Structures are given as C-alpha cells and as structure tokens.
Amino acid sequence: MKTTSLPTAKTRTKRFASVQDLVKATAADEKQVREFDRLTKDTVIVNALIRSRAAVGMTQADVAKKMNCTQSAVSKLEHAADAELTLQEIASYLTATGGRLNLGIGKSTTRIERIKDLAISLEQELRTLANQNSNSDDQNIRQNITSFFGETWFNFFKILCDATSKLPMEDDDKSLEVTTS
C-alpha cells in the first residue's frame, strides 16, 4: 500500500471549494482521485442518511437504540455502499432519525406535472386542516389554524405574483400584469 505524506504548510492554508477539489489537490495520483469519485458515487444514499442523523444531533448509539440494534450495526450501515442497503434498513434508519423517504418509480415527471401533484396534495392537506378546525372545541387551535390560513393565502398570493412578474409579456398583453406593494 502506497502512503502519502501529510500536506505541506502551504497546502494546509489553502481553502478548497469542495472535498473533491481537496482530493484532487492532495491525492498522490489519479488512481486515488478515481477511487474517491467511485466511493462518492456509491454512497449517495448513505451520506444522505448520515446527514439526516447529524441534522437532528443524534449519535449512532441513539439511532441504534431506536432501531433496536447495536451501535456497530449502525456504523456498518453508515460505511456500506448504497447497493448493499435494503429499503427496510433505509426506512428503519429514517424512522429512527425522524427522516422521510421519498421513492419515485416510473418515468420522470415534468415540472408542470410536479406542480400539479403538489397542488393536489396541498388541497387535500388544507381541506383536512380546515375540517380539523371545524371539529375542534379548542378556541386556541381554531384561532391558530385560521391565522395559518390567512398567512398561507398571503404567501401563496405573493409567490404567484412574484413568479408571474417574471413571465415574458408582449406589449399588447397586459392581462397578466400584477403589481404588488
């Protein structure tokens, strides 16, 4: 196994835009760079799992306790290649960290299709929240939900106005013109 020397003082003071840039600048040869690239591509999901754990401040031991396994099992999972993981392991890990798994199967959707799907989901969630508001005897909950609807309406309107203002318009087509204060 070939060893590399530590970076020089000059290299230590240099800032790199990414880990990839650091590896390219400090690797002994192109083979090390290719191996790093391969490992990075093979661990996209694993790295996302680790980030989800770090984001909530959990240790491997914390995750292991919630997954009903050992800390070494979590460590093994975090050091695996994506291809070695099962959906059950990913789902259990994310449940333990409070994360979410979004899995899409099928052809890629267009931006318009995704927006339509989001709008349908949003409508369902808002209807459910409105029903919760109607069925609640707690005045505080009702006020908070009503306030949320007002704030949401304002924010949606602003988002639509901002997006609409970026649409290209012909001089004779002023029907989409929106002004906000």
Protein backbone atom coordinates (compact mmCIF):
# COMPACT_ATOMS: atom_id res chain seq x y z
CA MET A 1 0.00 0.00 0.00
CA LYS A 2 1.39 3.35 -1.00
CA THR A 3 1.44 6.03 1.68
CA THR A 4 1.30 9.73 1.08
CA SER A 5 2.95 12.42 3.09
CA LEU A 6 0.99 14.99 5.02
CA PRO A 7 0.10 18.18 3.19
CA THR A 8 2.69 20.92 3.40
CA ALA A 9 2.06 24.09 5.35
CA LYS A 10 1.28 25.82 2.07
CA THR A 11 -1.41 23.25 1.24
CA ARG A 12 -2.93 23.44 4.75
CA THR A 13 -3.65 27.15 4.39
CA LYS A 14 -5.34 26.81 1.02
CA ARG A 15 -9.13 26.76 1.00
CA PHE A 16 -10.98 24.34 -1.25
CA ALA A 17 -14.44 24.81 -2.68
CA SER A 18 -15.26 21.12 -2.17
CA VAL A 19 -13.88 17.89 -0.81
CA GLN A 20 -13.48 16.81 -4.44
CA ASP A 21 -11.14 19.77 -5.03
CA LEU A 22 -9.18 18.89 -1.88
CA VAL A 23 -8.77 15.29 -3.03
CA LYS A 24 -7.62 16.38 -6.48
CA ALA A 25 -5.07 18.77 -4.97
CA THR A 26 -3.66 16.34 -2.40
CA ALA A 27 -4.00 12.88 -3.97
CA ALA A 28 -0.78 11.05 -4.72
CA ASP A 29 -2.03 10.01 -8.14
CA GLU A 30 -5.04 9.91 -10.45
CA LYS A 31 -5.96 6.43 -9.16
CA GLN A 32 -6.75 7.87 -5.72
CA VAL A 33 -8.94 10.54 -7.29
CA ARG A 34 -10.83 7.90 -9.31
CA GLU A 35 -11.30 5.75 -6.18
CA PHE A 36 -12.64 8.76 -4.27
CA ASP A 37 -15.05 9.52 -7.13
CA ARG A 38 -16.24 5.89 -7.16
CA LEU A 39 -16.79 5.86 -3.40
CA THR A 40 -18.66 9.17 -3.55
CA LYS A 41 -20.97 7.90 -6.29
CA ASP A 42 -21.53 4.60 -4.47
CA THR A 43 -22.58 6.24 -1.18
CA VAL A 44 -25.06 8.97 -2.11
CA ILE A 45 -27.87 7.42 -0.04
CA VAL A 46 -25.58 6.52 2.86
CA ASN A 47 -24.28 10.09 3.00
CA ALA A 48 -27.86 11.42 2.98
CA LEU A 49 -28.68 9.11 5.90
CA ILE A 50 -25.67 10.33 7.87
CA ARG A 51 -26.64 13.96 7.15
CA SER A 52 -30.19 13.25 8.40
CA ARG A 53 -28.76 11.86 11.66
CA ALA A 54 -26.35 14.77 12.08
CA ALA A 55 -29.10 17.31 11.37
CA VAL A 56 -31.07 16.15 14.41
CA GLY A 57 -27.96 15.81 16.60
CA MET A 58 -28.19 12.06 17.07
CA THR A 59 -25.30 9.69 17.63
CA GLN A 60 -25.01 6.24 16.12
CA ALA A 61 -25.89 4.88 19.58
CA ASP A 62 -29.08 6.99 19.62
CA VAL A 63 -30.10 5.62 16.22
CA ALA A 64 -29.23 2.06 17.27
CA LYS A 65 -31.45 2.31 20.33
CA LYS A 66 -34.41 3.44 18.22
CA MET A 67 -33.71 0.78 15.57
CA ASN A 68 -33.36 -1.96 18.22
CA CYS A 69 -29.87 -2.89 17.09
CA THR A 70 -26.27 -2.27 18.12
CA GLN A 71 -24.23 0.84 17.50
CA SER A 72 -21.83 -1.28 15.45
CA ALA A 73 -24.73 -2.31 13.18
CA VAL A 74 -25.49 1.38 12.55
CA SER A 75 -21.79 2.03 11.91
CA LYS A 76 -21.71 -0.85 9.42
CA LEU A 77 -24.77 0.57 7.67
CA GLU A 78 -23.15 4.03 7.52
CA HIS A 79 -19.99 2.56 5.99
CA ALA A 80 -21.79 0.44 3.38
CA ALA A 81 -22.20 1.16 -0.28
CA ASP A 82 -25.70 2.17 -1.36
CA ALA A 83 -26.12 -1.11 -3.27
CA GLU A 84 -25.68 -3.06 -0.02
CA LEU A 85 -28.61 -1.36 1.72
CA THR A 86 -32.15 -2.70 1.78
CA LEU A 87 -35.22 -0.47 1.66
CA GLN A 88 -36.10 -1.82 5.13
CA GLU A 89 -32.75 -0.65 6.54
CA ILE A 90 -33.16 2.78 4.96
CA ALA A 91 -36.75 3.11 6.21
CA SER A 92 -35.81 1.96 9.75
CA TYR A 93 -32.88 4.38 9.88
CA LEU A 94 -35.03 7.28 8.70
CA THR A 95 -37.80 6.40 11.15
CA ALA A 96 -35.21 6.45 13.94
CA THR A 97 -33.91 9.88 12.88
CA GLY A 98 -37.32 11.34 12.10
CA GLY A 99 -36.42 11.46 8.42
CA ARG A 100 -38.57 10.76 5.41
CA LEU A 101 -38.10 8.52 2.41
CA ASN A 102 -39.46 9.68 -0.93
CA LEU A 103 -39.35 6.99 -3.54
CA GLY A 104 -40.42 7.58 -7.09
CA ILE A 105 -40.94 4.82 -9.58
CA GLY A 106 -41.76 5.42 -13.20
CA LYS A 107 -40.87 7.92 -15.83
CA SER A 108 -39.57 11.29 -14.78
CA THR A 109 -42.22 13.91 -14.36
CA THR A 110 -42.19 17.36 -15.87
CA ARG A 111 -42.07 20.47 -13.73
CA ILE A 112 -45.73 21.17 -14.59
CA GLU A 113 -46.76 17.64 -13.53
CA ARG A 114 -44.86 18.03 -10.24
CA ILE A 115 -46.55 21.38 -9.56
CA LYS A 116 -49.98 19.87 -10.30
CA ASP A 117 -49.23 16.93 -7.95
CA LEU A 118 -48.12 19.35 -5.25
CA ALA A 119 -51.25 21.45 -5.73
CA ILE A 120 -53.49 18.38 -5.34
CA SER A 121 -51.62 17.30 -2.20
CA LEU A 122 -51.78 20.82 -0.84
CA GLU A 123 -55.52 20.99 -1.44
CA GLN A 124 -56.01 17.71 0.44
CA GLU A 125 -53.90 18.87 3.38
CA LEU A 126 -55.68 22.23 3.58
CA ARG A 127 -59.10 20.54 3.49
CA THR A 128 -58.02 18.19 6.29
CA LEU A 129 -56.77 21.13 8.33
CA ALA A 130 -59.98 23.07 7.71
CA ASN A 131 -62.02 20.05 8.87
CA GLN A 132 -59.86 19.79 11.97
CA ASN A 133 -60.55 23.46 12.62
CA SER A 134 -64.31 22.96 12.21
CA ASN A 135 -64.35 19.94 14.50
CA SER A 136 -62.21 21.41 17.28
CA ASP A 137 -63.67 22.71 20.51
CA ASP A 138 -60.34 24.32 21.42
CA GLN A 139 -60.57 28.04 20.64
CA ASN A 140 -56.77 28.39 20.60
CA ILE A 141 -56.41 25.67 17.93
CA ARG A 142 -59.18 27.27 15.87
CA GLN A 143 -57.53 30.70 16.05
CA ASN A 144 -54.12 29.29 15.12
CA ILE A 145 -55.50 27.39 12.13
CA THR A 146 -57.49 30.40 10.95
CA SER A 147 -54.40 32.57 11.31
CA PHE A 148 -52.37 30.00 9.40
CA PHE A 149 -54.88 30.09 6.52
CA GLY A 150 -54.64 33.89 6.32
CA GLU A 151 -50.85 33.80 6.36
CA THR A 152 -50.80 30.99 3.80
CA TRP A 153 -53.18 32.85 1.47
CA PHE A 154 -50.96 35.94 1.64
CA ASN A 155 -47.78 33.92 0.99
CA PHE A 156 -49.29 31.98 -1.92
CA PHE A 157 -50.56 35.19 -3.47
CA LYS A 158 -47.12 36.81 -3.13
CA ILE A 159 -45.38 33.73 -4.59
CA LEU A 160 -47.75 33.70 -7.57
CA CYS A 161 -47.35 37.43 -8.12
CA ASP A 162 -43.56 37.20 -7.96
CA ALA A 163 -43.49 34.24 -10.36
CA THR A 164 -45.99 35.87 -12.72
CA SER A 165 -43.92 39.06 -12.84
CA LYS A 166 -41.07 37.02 -14.34
CA LEU A 167 -43.18 35.80 -17.27
CA PRO A 168 -42.27 37.38 -20.60
CA MET A 169 -45.04 39.62 -21.88
CA GLU A 170 -45.84 41.14 -25.21
CA ASP A 171 -46.52 44.87 -25.22
CA ASP A 172 -50.16 44.31 -26.15
CA ASP A 173 -50.70 41.61 -23.47
CA LYS A 174 -51.20 43.40 -20.19
CA SER A 175 -53.74 40.85 -18.87
CA LEU A 176 -51.13 39.13 -16.68
CA GLU A 177 -49.70 42.33 -15.27
CA VAL A 178 -49.67 42.20 -11.48
CA THR A 179 -48.49 44.91 -9.15
CA THR A 180 -47.63 44.34 -5.50
CA SER A 181 -46.76 46.82 -2.85
